[in-house]
Amino acid sequence: MAGFQEGDGGAEMTGVHPQHPDDDARRPASPTGRTPQWLLDELTGADPAPAAAPSPARRRRRWVVPLLVAAVTGGLVLSDPPAWPWAGDPPAAAPGLPAPTPPARPTDRPLPAGATAPLGSPPPPPAQGGTYGYVSVQEDGVTPVAYDPCREIRYVLRPDAAPPGTEQLVHDAVARVAELTGLRFAFDGYTDEPYVAERTPYQPDRYGDRWAPVLIGWQTEAENPALAGDVVGQAGSTAVSLGDGPRVYVTGTVSLDAGQAPQILGARDGEATLRSVVLHELGHLVGLAHVDDDRELMFPETRRAVTDFSGGDLTGLAALGQGGCVPEL
């Protein structure tokens, strides 16, 4: 399972997705872009070659595909989501003076949703817990930045280059994340919106007066060089805030490697492997970061033994589904 490569900390511009800091050192196992040997063995039926002693720094098995996930940014740098400089409520009138003229309706965001009741709730996390982490946290250093549970997360599919038979797999993975977070996802159809490094989260001409839906689709390495080598996916979300209010994710993107998907599907347990790739990327979308525990799905390398979220993943997803409602956005 792979995602966009992530880099070190740096300034983030409006509309740029956050990234996770610990992935800059994790490089693809096949820097030349060749198909991993484990996958060639699966496709040809060849007996696997004896595995060399693993490097302590890489901690990977012979058949592992790396999961290098980052957000959609021009320079692929890490920073917290931006606090957009939006005005709050207009100042009150001074005694004996007329009320000030209200500011014009802002053009950088939709009308407030105004929703104050969560649409769902996550199942209780497993008692055994596990390892998990967040892409970004609020100013308190503890509370994760998350999507607003009081409104739907709409998503669209970009069908260009989608391998046959993968659309339902994507929908099933979205439904799984919705189940584990309690967040309400809604499919909004298909789009021809192009992938860009700095996607605008508010696009009224294309999507109307609402936040742009999450964009999910398939790309080639030529279209997205970040998918070169063994990297098979990229995901991230955009967070905004109003004044000093909490940051909240409002949209995001998931990009999947159209070239490697057929090869993965042709291997043993290929459908389960590709589904785990999509689940991993959706985990990043809703706010989960990479972890060092190889028993978790958010570990940055695929393992055939882990094709669904594990204890730590489930604990983090449950917390991400219980963010605060932000009706003013």
C-alpha atoms as a PDB file:
ATOM      1  CA  MET A   1       0.000   0.000   0.000  1.00  0.00           C
ATOM      2  CA  ALA A   2       1.539   3.215  -0.859  1.00  0.00           C
ATOM      3  CA  GLY A   3       0.814   6.823  -0.851  1.00  0.00           C
ATOM      4  CA  PHE A   4       2.519  10.051  -1.754  1.00  0.00           C
ATOM      5  CA  GLN A   5       5.995  10.536  -0.417  1.00  0.00           C
ATOM      6  CA  GLU A   6       6.183  12.881   2.496  1.00  0.00           C
ATOM      7  CA  GLY A   7       8.878  15.304   3.453  1.00  0.00           C
ATOM      8  CA  ASP A   8      10.125  17.470   6.262  1.00  0.00           C
ATOM      9  CA  GLY A   9       8.284  20.314   7.916  1.00  0.00           C
ATOM     10  CA  GLY A  10       7.733  23.575   6.127  1.00  0.00           C
ATOM     11  CA  ALA A  11       5.279  26.332   5.385  1.00  0.00           C
ATOM     12  CA  GLU A  12       1.926  25.271   4.039  1.00  0.00           C
ATOM     13  CA  MET A  13      -0.195  27.436   1.764  1.00  0.00           C
ATOM     14  CA  THR A  14      -3.962  27.670   1.657  1.00  0.00           C
ATOM     15  CA  GLY A  15      -5.451  24.585   0.039  1.00  0.00           C
ATOM     16  CA  VAL A  16      -2.335  22.459   0.491  1.00  0.00           C
ATOM     17  CA  HIS A  17      -2.701  19.110   2.171  1.00  0.00           C
ATOM     18  CA  PRO A  18      -0.892  18.261   5.423  1.00  0.00           C
ATOM     19  CA  GLN A  19       1.712  15.544   5.516  1.00  0.00           C
ATOM     20  CA  HIS A  20       3.276  13.213   8.017  1.00  0.00           C
ATOM     21  CA  PRO A  21       6.902  13.930   9.035  1.00  0.00           C
ATOM     22  CA  ASP A  22       8.406  10.489   9.418  1.00  0.00           C
ATOM     23  CA  ASP A  23       8.179   9.266   5.839  1.00  0.00           C
ATOM     24  CA  ASP A  24      10.967  11.200   4.104  1.00  0.00           C
ATOM     25  CA  ALA A  25      13.446   8.450   4.943  1.00  0.00           C
ATOM     26  CA  ARG A  26      11.208   5.681   3.611  1.00  0.00           C
ATOM     27  CA  ARG A  27      11.980   5.241  -0.083  1.00  0.00           C
ATOM     28  CA  PRO A  28      10.427   2.847  -2.626  1.00  0.00           C
ATOM     29  CA  ALA A  29      12.002  -0.610  -2.709  1.00  0.00           C
ATOM     30  CA  SER A  30      12.338  -0.340  -6.512  1.00  0.00           C
ATOM     31  CA  PRO A  31      13.834   3.107  -7.255  1.00  0.00           C
ATOM     32  CA  THR A  32      14.013   2.203 -10.943  1.00  0.00           C
ATOM     33  CA  GLY A  33      10.236   1.828 -11.086  1.00  0.00           C
ATOM     34  CA  ARG A  34      10.403  -1.903 -11.963  1.00  0.00           C
ATOM     35  CA  THR A  35       7.743  -4.309 -10.774  1.00  0.00           C
ATOM     36  CA  PRO A  36       8.700  -5.724  -7.330  1.00  0.00           C
ATOM     37  CA  GLN A  37      10.221  -9.215  -7.499  1.00  0.00           C
ATOM     38  CA  TRP A  38       7.584 -10.696  -5.186  1.00  0.00           C
ATOM     39  CA  LEU A  39       4.909  -9.597  -7.648  1.00  0.00           C
ATOM     40  CA  LEU A  40       6.814 -11.026 -10.642  1.00  0.00           C
ATOM     41  CA  ASP A  41       7.073 -14.348  -8.768  1.00  0.00           C
ATOM     42  CA  GLU A  42       3.330 -14.321  -8.228  1.00  0.00           C
ATOM     43  CA  LEU A  43       2.573 -13.543 -11.880  1.00  0.00           C
ATOM     44  CA  THR A  44       4.993 -16.114 -13.363  1.00  0.00           C
ATOM     45  CA  GLY A  45       4.581 -18.880 -10.794  1.00  0.00           C
ATOM     46  CA  ALA A  46       8.316 -18.888 -10.116  1.00  0.00           C
ATOM     47  CA  ASP A  47       9.597 -20.128  -6.790  1.00  0.00           C
ATOM     48  CA  PRO A  48      10.650 -17.202  -4.652  1.00  0.00           C
ATOM     49  CA  ALA A  49      14.363 -16.618  -4.311  1.00  0.00           C
ATOM     50  CA  PRO A  50      15.858 -16.971  -0.836  1.00  0.00           C
ATOM     51  CA  ALA A  51      15.391 -13.732   1.047  1.00  0.00           C
ATOM     52  CA  ALA A  52      18.481 -11.764   1.951  1.00  0.00           C
ATOM     53  CA  ALA A  53      18.982 -10.640   5.507  1.00  0.00           C
ATOM     54  CA  PRO A  54      16.841  -7.520   5.953  1.00  0.00           C
ATOM     55  CA  SER A  55      18.473  -4.183   6.561  1.00  0.00           C
ATOM     56  CA  PRO A  56      17.692  -2.951  10.092  1.00  0.00           C
ATOM     57  CA  ALA A  57      17.046   0.514   8.686  1.00  0.00           C
ATOM     58  CA  ARG A  58      14.444  -0.644   6.165  1.00  0.00           C
ATOM     59  CA  ARG A  59      12.788  -3.439   8.165  1.00  0.00           C
ATOM     60  CA  ARG A  60      11.127  -4.862   5.048  1.00  0.00           C
ATOM     61  CA  ARG A  61      10.553  -8.348   3.697  1.00  0.00           C
ATOM     62  CA  ARG A  62      11.363  -9.452   0.169  1.00  0.00           C
ATOM     63  CA  TRP A  63       7.738  -9.269  -0.967  1.00  0.00           C
ATOM     64  CA  VAL A  64       6.880  -5.981   0.679  1.00  0.00           C
ATOM     65  CA  VAL A  65       5.632  -2.972  -1.287  1.00  0.00           C
ATOM     66  CA  PRO A  66       6.319   0.286   0.564  1.00  0.00           C
ATOM     67  CA  LEU A  67       3.531   2.589   1.651  1.00  0.00           C
ATOM     68  CA  LEU A  68       4.986   6.040   1.255  1.00  0.00           C
ATOM     69  CA  VAL A  69       2.057   8.373   1.757  1.00  0.00           C
ATOM     70  CA  ALA A  70       1.995  12.121   1.655  1.00  0.00           C
ATOM     71  CA  ALA A  71      -0.362  14.899   0.901  1.00  0.00           C
ATOM     72  CA  VAL A  72      -0.888  16.688  -2.363  1.00  0.00           C
ATOM     73  CA  THR A  73       1.574  19.551  -2.239  1.00  0.00           C
ATOM     74  CA  GLY A  74       3.865  21.178  -4.707  1.00  0.00           C
ATOM     75  CA  GLY A  75       7.028  20.718  -2.635  1.00  0.00           C
ATOM     76  CA  LEU A  76       5.785  17.746  -0.626  1.00  0.00           C
ATOM     77  CA  VAL A  77       6.588  19.396   2.684  1.00  0.00           C
ATOM     78  CA  LEU A  78       5.031  18.973   6.083  1.00  0.00           C
ATOM     79  CA  SER A  79       3.219  21.506   8.148  1.00  0.00           C
ATOM     80  CA  ASP A  80       0.011  21.815  10.060  1.00  0.00           C
ATOM     81  CA  PRO A  81      -3.120  22.756   8.127  1.00  0.00           C
ATOM     82  CA  PRO A  82      -3.432  26.506   7.628  1.00  0.00           C
ATOM     83  CA  ALA A  83      -5.679  28.797   9.612  1.00  0.00           C
ATOM     84  CA  TRP A  84      -7.442  30.798   6.937  1.00  0.00           C
ATOM     85  CA  PRO A  85      -7.709  34.505   7.808  1.00  0.00           C
ATOM     86  CA  TRP A  86     -11.465  34.725   7.756  1.00  0.00           C
ATOM     87  CA  ALA A  87     -13.294  37.350   9.729  1.00  0.00           C
ATOM     88  CA  GLY A  88     -15.503  36.384  12.637  1.00  0.00           C
ATOM     89  CA  ASP A  89     -18.703  38.081  13.714  1.00  0.00           C
ATOM     90  CA  PRO A  90     -18.932  41.823  12.912  1.00  0.00           C
ATOM     91  CA  PRO A  91     -18.173  44.153  15.824  1.00  0.00           C
ATOM     92  CA  ALA A  92     -21.086  45.356  17.937  1.00  0.00           C
ATOM     93  CA  ALA A  93     -22.253  48.935  17.526  1.00  0.00           C
ATOM     94  CA  ALA A  94     -20.999  51.463  20.043  1.00  0.00           C
ATOM     95  CA  PRO A  95     -23.738  52.988  22.272  1.00  0.00           C
ATOM     96  CA  GLY A  96     -25.589  55.763  20.450  1.00  0.00           C
ATOM     97  CA  LEU A  97     -24.036  54.954  17.048  1.00  0.00           C
ATOM     98  CA  PRO A  98     -25.565  53.080  14.118  1.00  0.00           C
ATOM     99  CA  ALA A  99     -24.612  49.486  13.649  1.00  0.00           C
ATOM    100  CA  PRO A 100     -21.629  48.953  11.356  1.00  0.00           C
ATOM    101  CA  THR A 101     -22.305  47.743   7.850  1.00  0.00           C
ATOM    102  CA  PRO A 102     -21.960  43.946   7.786  1.00  0.00           C
ATOM    103  CA  PRO A 103     -19.100  42.694   5.655  1.00  0.00           C
ATOM    104  CA  ALA A 104     -19.822  41.349   2.209  1.00  0.00           C
ATOM    105  CA  ARG A 105     -20.391  37.634   1.937  1.00  0.00           C
ATOM    106  CA  PRO A 106     -16.944  36.007   1.741  1.00  0.00           C
ATOM    107  CA  THR A 107     -16.045  34.417  -1.554  1.00  0.00           C
ATOM    108  CA  ASP A 108     -13.514  31.916  -0.215  1.00  0.00           C
ATOM    109  CA  ARG A 109     -15.962  29.545   1.481  1.00  0.00           C
ATOM    110  CA  PRO A 110     -19.565  28.339   1.256  1.00  0.00           C
ATOM    111  CA  LEU A 111     -22.424  29.476   3.436  1.00  0.00           C
ATOM    112  CA  PRO A 112     -22.153  27.918   6.918  1.00  0.00           C
ATOM    113  CA  ALA A 113     -23.574  24.426   7.257  1.00  0.00           C
ATOM    114  CA  GLY A 114     -25.058  25.174  10.675  1.00  0.00           C
ATOM    115  CA  ALA A 115     -25.281  21.494  11.631  1.00  0.00           C
ATOM    116  CA  THR A 116     -24.817  20.737  15.336  1.00  0.00           C
ATOM    117  CA  ALA A 117     -25.718  17.042  15.689  1.00  0.00           C
ATOM    118  CA  PRO A 118     -23.414  14.178  14.613  1.00  0.00           C
ATOM    119  CA  LEU A 119     -24.831  12.052  11.812  1.00  0.00           C
ATOM    120  CA  GLY A 120     -23.412   8.858  13.276  1.00  0.00           C
ATOM    121  CA  SER A 121     -21.089   7.440  15.878  1.00  0.00           C
ATOM    122  CA  PRO A 122     -18.163   5.016  15.668  1.00  0.00           C
ATOM    123  CA  PRO A 123     -18.193   1.612  17.349  1.00  0.00           C
ATOM    124  CA  PRO A 124     -16.223   1.441  20.600  1.00  0.00           C
ATOM    125  CA  PRO A 125     -12.500   0.899  20.029  1.00  0.00           C
ATOM    126  CA  PRO A 126     -11.056  -2.524  20.916  1.00  0.00           C
ATOM    127  CA  ALA A 127     -10.051  -3.033  24.520  1.00  0.00           C
ATOM    128  CA  GLN A 128      -6.508  -4.086  23.593  1.00  0.00           C
ATOM    129  CA  GLY A 129      -5.825  -0.769  21.852  1.00  0.00           C
ATOM    130  CA  GLY A 130      -2.738  -0.486  19.704  1.00  0.00           C
ATOM    131  CA  THR A 131      -0.452   1.994  17.995  1.00  0.00           C
ATOM    132  CA  TYR A 132      -1.885   4.945  16.091  1.00  0.00           C
ATOM    133  CA  GLY A 133      -1.067   8.541  15.250  1.00  0.00           C
ATOM    134  CA  TYR A 134      -2.640  11.601  13.684  1.00  0.00           C
ATOM    135  CA  VAL A 135      -1.618  13.646  10.667  1.00  0.00           C
ATOM    136  CA  SER A 136      -2.264  16.867  12.602  1.00  0.00           C
ATOM    137  CA  VAL A 137      -3.572  17.991  15.995  1.00  0.00           C
ATOM    138  CA  GLN A 138      -5.261  21.104  17.337  1.00  0.00           C
ATOM    139  CA  GLU A 139      -3.487  23.821  19.300  1.00  0.00           C
ATOM    140  CA  ASP A 140      -3.796  21.753  22.494  1.00  0.00           C
ATOM    141  CA  GLY A 141      -1.333  19.270  21.003  1.00  0.00           C
ATOM    142  CA  VAL A 142      -3.664  16.333  21.713  1.00  0.00           C
ATOM    143  CA  THR A 143      -7.001  16.642  19.911  1.00  0.00           C
ATOM    144  CA  PRO A 144      -6.772  15.421  16.307  1.00  0.00           C
ATOM    145  CA  VAL A 145      -7.795  17.574  13.375  1.00  0.00           C
ATOM    146  CA  ALA A 146     -10.763  15.725  11.862  1.00  0.00           C
ATOM    147  CA  TYR A 147     -13.744  16.017   9.568  1.00  0.00           C
ATOM    148  CA  ASP A 148     -16.936  17.548  10.982  1.00  0.00           C
ATOM    149  CA  PRO A 149     -19.125  14.576  12.020  1.00  0.00           C
ATOM    150  CA  CYS A 150     -22.266  16.722  11.687  1.00  0.00           C
ATOM    151  CA  ARG A 151     -22.228  16.886   7.887  1.00  0.00           C
ATOM    152  CA  GLU A 152     -21.719  14.474   5.049  1.00  0.00           C
ATOM    153  CA  ILE A 153     -18.344  13.946   3.437  1.00  0.00           C
ATOM    154  CA  ARG A 154     -19.200  13.928  -0.241  1.00  0.00           C
ATOM    155  CA  TYR A 155     -16.826  12.262  -2.673  1.00  0.00           C
ATOM    156  CA  VAL A 156     -16.510  12.021  -6.432  1.00  0.00           C
ATOM    157  CA  LEU A 157     -14.667   9.569  -8.654  1.00  0.00           C
ATOM    158  CA  ARG A 158     -12.457  10.535 -11.555  1.00  0.00           C
ATOM    159  CA  PRO A 159     -12.907   7.539 -13.884  1.00  0.00           C
ATOM    160  CA  ASP A 160      -9.965   8.287 -16.193  1.00  0.00           C
ATOM    161  CA  ALA A 161      -7.513   5.359 -16.236  1.00  0.00           C
ATOM    162  CA  ALA A 162      -9.500   3.373 -13.647  1.00  0.00           C
ATOM    163  CA  PRO A 163      -8.613  -0.337 -13.979  1.00  0.00           C
ATOM    164  CA  PRO A 164     -11.622  -2.582 -14.704  1.00  0.00           C
ATOM    165  CA  GLY A 165     -13.429  -3.839 -11.637  1.00  0.00           C
ATOM    166  CA  THR A 166     -11.994  -1.326  -9.184  1.00  0.00           C
ATOM    167  CA  GLU A 167     -14.886   1.087  -8.733  1.00  0.00           C
ATOM    168  CA  GLN A 168     -16.866  -1.153  -6.397  1.00  0.00           C
ATOM    169  CA  LEU A 169     -13.679  -1.879  -4.454  1.00  0.00           C
ATOM    170  CA  VAL A 170     -13.308   1.862  -3.806  1.00  0.00           C
ATOM    171  CA  HIS A 171     -16.937   2.222  -2.717  1.00  0.00           C
ATOM    172  CA  ASP A 172     -16.576  -0.756  -0.368  1.00  0.00           C
ATOM    173  CA  ALA A 173     -13.443   0.736   1.186  1.00  0.00           C
ATOM    174  CA  VAL A 174     -15.206   4.078   1.723  1.00  0.00           C
ATOM    175  CA  ALA A 175     -18.100   2.239   3.390  1.00  0.00           C
ATOM    176  CA  ARG A 176     -15.647   0.456   5.694  1.00  0.00           C
ATOM    177  CA  VAL A 177     -14.083   3.741   6.830  1.00  0.00           C
ATOM    178  CA  ALA A 178     -17.556   5.212   7.337  1.00  0.00           C
ATOM    179  CA  GLU A 179     -18.486   2.231   9.502  1.00  0.00           C
ATOM    180  CA  LEU A 180     -15.397   2.555  11.698  1.00  0.00           C
ATOM    181  CA  THR A 181     -15.516   6.337  12.123  1.00  0.00           C
ATOM    182  CA  GLY A 182     -19.256   6.990  12.181  1.00  0.00           C
ATOM    183  CA  LEU A 183     -18.644   9.681   9.549  1.00  0.00           C
ATOM    184  CA  ARG A 184     -21.291   9.873   6.833  1.00  0.00           C
ATOM    185  CA  PHE A 185     -19.941   9.571   3.286  1.00  0.00           C
ATOM    186  CA  ALA A 186     -22.060  10.212   0.183  1.00  0.00           C
ATOM    187  CA  PHE A 187     -21.130   9.421  -3.420  1.00  0.00           C
ATOM    188  CA  ASP A 188     -21.626  12.457  -5.648  1.00  0.00           C
ATOM    189  CA  GLY A 189     -20.953  10.848  -9.023  1.00  0.00           C
ATOM    190  CA  TYR A 190     -18.118  11.372 -11.480  1.00  0.00           C
ATOM    191  CA  THR A 191     -15.925  14.350 -12.285  1.00  0.00           C
ATOM    192  CA  ASP A 192     -13.399  15.500 -14.833  1.00  0.00           C
ATOM    193  CA  GLU A 193     -11.657  17.729 -12.292  1.00  0.00           C
ATOM    194  CA  PRO A 194      -7.894  17.462 -12.856  1.00  0.00           C
ATOM    195  CA  TYR A 195      -5.447  16.672 -10.097  1.00  0.00           C
ATOM    196  CA  VAL A 196      -3.385  19.726  -9.179  1.00  0.00           C
ATOM    197  CA  ALA A 197      -0.701  20.280  -6.563  1.00  0.00           C
ATOM    198  CA  GLU A 198      -2.687  22.912  -4.687  1.00  0.00           C
ATOM    199  CA  ARG A 199      -6.336  22.023  -5.035  1.00  0.00           C
ATOM    200  CA  THR A 200      -8.830  24.767  -4.186  1.00  0.00           C
ATOM    201  CA  PRO A 201     -11.187  23.485  -1.475  1.00  0.00           C
ATOM    202  CA  TYR A 202     -14.037  25.785  -2.559  1.00  0.00           C
ATOM    203  CA  GLN A 203     -14.997  25.535  -6.248  1.00  0.00           C
ATOM    204  CA  PRO A 204     -18.508  26.979  -6.633  1.00  0.00           C
ATOM    205  CA  ASP A 205     -18.387  27.042 -10.434  1.00  0.00           C
ATOM    206  CA  ARG A 206     -17.822  23.288 -10.543  1.00  0.00           C
ATOM    207  CA  TYR A 207     -19.553  21.979  -7.411  1.00  0.00           C
ATOM    208  CA  GLY A 208     -21.893  24.732  -6.247  1.00  0.00           C
ATOM    209  CA  ASP A 209     -21.980  26.557  -2.919  1.00  0.00           C
ATOM    210  CA  ARG A 210     -20.337  23.890  -0.783  1.00  0.00           C
ATOM    211  CA  TRP A 211     -16.897  22.591  -0.060  1.00  0.00           C
ATOM    212  CA  ALA A 212     -15.480  20.656  -2.988  1.00  0.00           C
ATOM    213  CA  PRO A 213     -16.061  16.923  -2.544  1.00  0.00           C
ATOM    214  CA  VAL A 214     -13.225  14.517  -1.841  1.00  0.00           C
ATOM    215  CA  LEU A 215     -11.600  13.627  -5.166  1.00  0.00           C
ATOM    216  CA  ILE A 216     -10.718   9.933  -5.646  1.00  0.00           C
ATOM    217  CA  GLY A 217      -9.196   8.565  -8.827  1.00  0.00           C
ATOM    218  CA  TRP A 218      -6.430   6.777 -10.676  1.00  0.00           C
ATOM    219  CA  GLN A 219      -3.312   8.255 -12.237  1.00  0.00           C
ATOM    220  CA  THR A 220      -0.314   7.028 -14.169  1.00  0.00           C
ATOM    221  CA  GLU A 221       3.272   7.693 -13.164  1.00  0.00           C
ATOM    222  CA  ALA A 222       3.523  10.117 -16.092  1.00  0.00           C
ATOM    223  CA  GLU A 223       0.626  12.135 -14.678  1.00  0.00           C
ATOM    224  CA  ASN A 224       1.899  11.946 -11.114  1.00  0.00           C
ATOM    225  CA  PRO A 225       5.637  11.282 -10.717  1.00  0.00           C
ATOM    226  CA  ALA A 226       5.097  10.727  -6.980  1.00  0.00           C
ATOM    227  CA  LEU A 227       3.641   7.327  -7.933  1.00  0.00           C
ATOM    228  CA  ALA A 228       6.929   6.167  -9.488  1.00  0.00           C
ATOM    229  CA  GLY A 229       8.531   2.913  -8.407  1.00  0.00           C
ATOM    230  CA  ASP A 230       6.559   0.873  -5.885  1.00  0.00           C
ATOM    231  CA  VAL A 231       4.471   3.779  -4.595  1.00  0.00           C
ATOM    232  CA  VAL A 232       0.850   2.963  -5.350  1.00  0.00           C
ATOM    233  CA  GLY A 233      -1.187   5.718  -3.699  1.00  0.00           C
ATOM    234  CA  GLN A 234      -1.334   9.225  -2.296  1.00  0.00           C
ATOM    235  CA  ALA A 235      -3.856  10.873   0.010  1.00  0.00           C
ATOM    236  CA  GLY A 236      -4.393  13.935   2.155  1.00  0.00           C
ATOM    237  CA  SER A 237      -7.012  16.395   3.370  1.00  0.00           C
ATOM    238  CA  THR A 238      -7.273  20.161   3.601  1.00  0.00           C
ATOM    239  CA  ALA A 239      -8.082  21.745   6.963  1.00  0.00           C
ATOM    240  CA  VAL A 240      -9.404  25.251   7.509  1.00  0.00           C
ATOM    241  CA  SER A 241     -10.376  27.308  10.529  1.00  0.00           C
ATOM    242  CA  LEU A 242     -12.357  30.462  11.117  1.00  0.00           C
ATOM    243  CA  GLY A 243     -10.455  32.996  13.190  1.00  0.00           C
ATOM    244  CA  ASP A 244      -9.264  31.291  16.370  1.00  0.00           C
ATOM    245  CA  GLY A 245     -11.711  28.409  15.951  1.00  0.00           C
ATOM    246  CA  PRO A 246     -10.728  24.758  15.633  1.00  0.00           C
ATOM    247  CA  ARG A 247      -9.259  23.442  12.432  1.00  0.00           C
ATOM    248  CA  VAL A 248     -11.472  21.021  10.514  1.00  0.00           C
ATOM    249  CA  TYR A 249     -10.936  18.987   7.367  1.00  0.00           C
ATOM    250  CA  VAL A 250     -13.310  20.034   4.599  1.00  0.00           C
ATOM    251  CA  THR A 251     -12.105  18.069   1.566  1.00  0.00           C
ATOM    252  CA  GLY A 252      -9.229  15.961   0.297  1.00  0.00           C
ATOM    253  CA  THR A 253      -7.829  13.796  -2.473  1.00  0.00           C
ATOM    254  CA  VAL A 254      -6.898  10.157  -2.987  1.00  0.00           C
ATOM    255  CA  SER A 255      -4.733   9.236  -5.992  1.00  0.00           C
ATOM    256  CA  LEU A 256      -4.137   5.571  -6.843  1.00  0.00           C
ATOM    257  CA  ASP A 257      -1.599   4.091  -9.261  1.00  0.00           C
ATOM    258  CA  ALA A 258      -3.435   2.926 -12.393  1.00  0.00           C
ATOM    259  CA  GLY A 259      -0.379   1.086 -13.719  1.00  0.00           C
ATOM    260  CA  GLN A 260       0.314  -1.183 -10.751  1.00  0.00           C
ATOM    261  CA  ALA A 261      -3.298  -2.020  -9.878  1.00  0.00           C
ATOM    262  CA  PRO A 262      -3.748  -4.709 -12.597  1.00  0.00           C
ATOM    263  CA  GLN A 263      -0.498  -6.388 -11.547  1.00  0.00           C
ATOM    264  CA  ILE A 264      -1.581  -6.432  -7.921  1.00  0.00           C
ATOM    265  CA  LEU A 265      -5.006  -7.820  -8.832  1.00  0.00           C
ATOM    266  CA  GLY A 266      -3.320 -10.583 -10.856  1.00  0.00           C
ATOM    267  CA  ALA A 267      -1.278 -11.797  -7.899  1.00  0.00           C
ATOM    268  CA  ARG A 268      -2.409 -14.187  -5.176  1.00  0.00           C
ATOM    269  CA  ASP A 269      -4.896 -12.458  -2.849  1.00  0.00           C
ATOM    270  CA  GLY A 270      -4.631  -9.480  -5.186  1.00  0.00           C
ATOM    271  CA  GLU A 271      -8.087  -8.051  -4.532  1.00  0.00           C
ATOM    272  CA  ALA A 272      -7.546  -8.096  -0.762  1.00  0.00           C
ATOM    273  CA  THR A 273      -4.147  -6.465  -1.227  1.00  0.00           C
ATOM    274  CA  LEU A 274      -5.486  -3.680  -3.425  1.00  0.00           C
ATOM    275  CA  ARG A 275      -8.401  -3.111  -1.049  1.00  0.00           C
ATOM    276  CA  SER A 276      -5.928  -2.726   1.795  1.00  0.00           C
ATOM    277  CA  VAL A 277      -4.083  -0.104  -0.291  1.00  0.00           C
ATOM    278  CA  VAL A 278      -7.279   1.909  -0.691  1.00  0.00           C
ATOM    279  CA  LEU A 279      -8.159   1.501   3.004  1.00  0.00           C
ATOM    280  CA  HIS A 280      -4.701   2.726   3.980  1.00  0.00           C
ATOM    281  CA  GLU A 281      -5.063   5.819   1.811  1.00  0.00           C
ATOM    282  CA  LEU A 282      -8.530   6.543   3.179  1.00  0.00           C
ATOM    283  CA  GLY A 283      -7.041   6.244   6.664  1.00  0.00           C
ATOM    284  CA  HIS A 284      -4.716   9.106   5.737  1.00  0.00           C
ATOM    285  CA  LEU A 285      -7.620  11.015   4.231  1.00  0.00           C
ATOM    286  CA  VAL A 286      -9.559  11.072   7.520  1.00  0.00           C
ATOM    287  CA  GLY A 287      -6.452  11.881   9.566  1.00  0.00           C
ATOM    288  CA  LEU A 288      -4.425   8.792  10.469  1.00  0.00           C
ATOM    289  CA  ALA A 289      -0.629   8.969  10.164  1.00  0.00           C
ATOM    290  CA  HIS A 290       1.912   6.213   9.617  1.00  0.00           C
ATOM    291  CA  VAL A 291       2.950   4.069  12.576  1.00  0.00           C
ATOM    292  CA  ASP A 292       5.997   1.878  13.257  1.00  0.00           C
ATOM    293  CA  ASP A 293       3.955  -1.166  14.351  1.00  0.00           C
ATOM    294  CA  ASP A 294       3.778  -3.663  11.476  1.00  0.00           C
ATOM    295  CA  ARG A 295       0.613  -5.211  12.925  1.00  0.00           C
ATOM    296  CA  GLU A 296      -1.352  -2.103  11.960  1.00  0.00           C
ATOM    297  CA  LEU A 297      -2.686  -1.271   8.508  1.00  0.00           C
ATOM    298  CA  MET A 298      -1.165   2.214   8.813  1.00  0.00           C
ATOM    299  CA  PHE A 299       2.335   0.716   8.864  1.00  0.00           C
ATOM    300  CA  PRO A 300       4.043   2.095   5.721  1.00  0.00           C
ATOM    301  CA  GLU A 301       4.496  -1.283   4.009  1.00  0.00           C
ATOM    302  CA  THR A 302       2.006  -3.900   2.867  1.00  0.00           C
ATOM    303  CA  ARG A 303       1.813  -7.269   4.596  1.00  0.00           C
ATOM    304  CA  ARG A 304      -0.394 -10.054   3.298  1.00  0.00           C
ATOM    305  CA  ALA A 305      -1.334 -10.888   6.883  1.00  0.00           C
ATOM    306  CA  VAL A 306      -2.814  -7.398   7.465  1.00  0.00           C
ATOM    307  CA  THR A 307      -5.517  -6.477   4.968  1.00  0.00           C
ATOM    308  CA  ASP A 308      -7.872  -4.558   7.263  1.00  0.00           C
ATOM    309  CA  PHE A 309      -7.561  -2.060  10.098  1.00  0.00           C
ATOM    310  CA  SER A 310      -6.131  -3.460  13.349  1.00  0.00           C
ATOM    311  CA  GLY A 311      -6.455  -2.466  17.003  1.00  0.00           C
ATOM    312  CA  GLY A 312      -4.513   0.790  16.938  1.00  0.00           C
ATOM    313  CA  ASP A 313      -6.019   1.814  13.601  1.00  0.00           C
ATOM    314  CA  LEU A 314      -9.514   1.215  14.989  1.00  0.00           C
ATOM    315  CA  THR A 315      -8.779   3.284  18.091  1.00  0.00           C
ATOM    316  CA  GLY A 316      -7.531   6.207  16.015  1.00  0.00           C
ATOM    317  CA  LEU A 317     -10.446   5.994  13.575  1.00  0.00           C
ATOM    318  CA  ALA A 318     -12.948   6.032  16.440  1.00  0.00           C
ATOM    319  CA  ALA A 319     -11.397   9.234  17.796  1.00  0.00           C
ATOM    320  CA  LEU A 320     -11.359  10.844  14.346  1.00  0.00           C
ATOM    321  CA  GLY A 321     -15.079  10.191  14.061  1.00  0.00           C
ATOM    322  CA  GLN A 322     -15.790  12.161  17.222  1.00  0.00           C
ATOM    323  CA  GLY A 323     -14.445  15.548  16.264  1.00  0.00           C
ATOM    324  CA  GLY A 324     -16.378  18.639  17.173  1.00  0.00           C
ATOM    325  CA  CYS A 325     -19.182  20.072  15.062  1.00  0.00           C
ATOM    326  CA  VAL A 326     -18.177  23.370  13.450  1.00  0.00           C
ATOM    327  CA  PRO A 327     -21.495  24.900  12.310  1.00  0.00           C
ATOM    328  CA  GLU A 328     -19.902  28.224  11.312  1.00  0.00           C
ATOM    329  CA  LEU A 329     -18.078  26.413   8.486  1.00  0.00           C
END
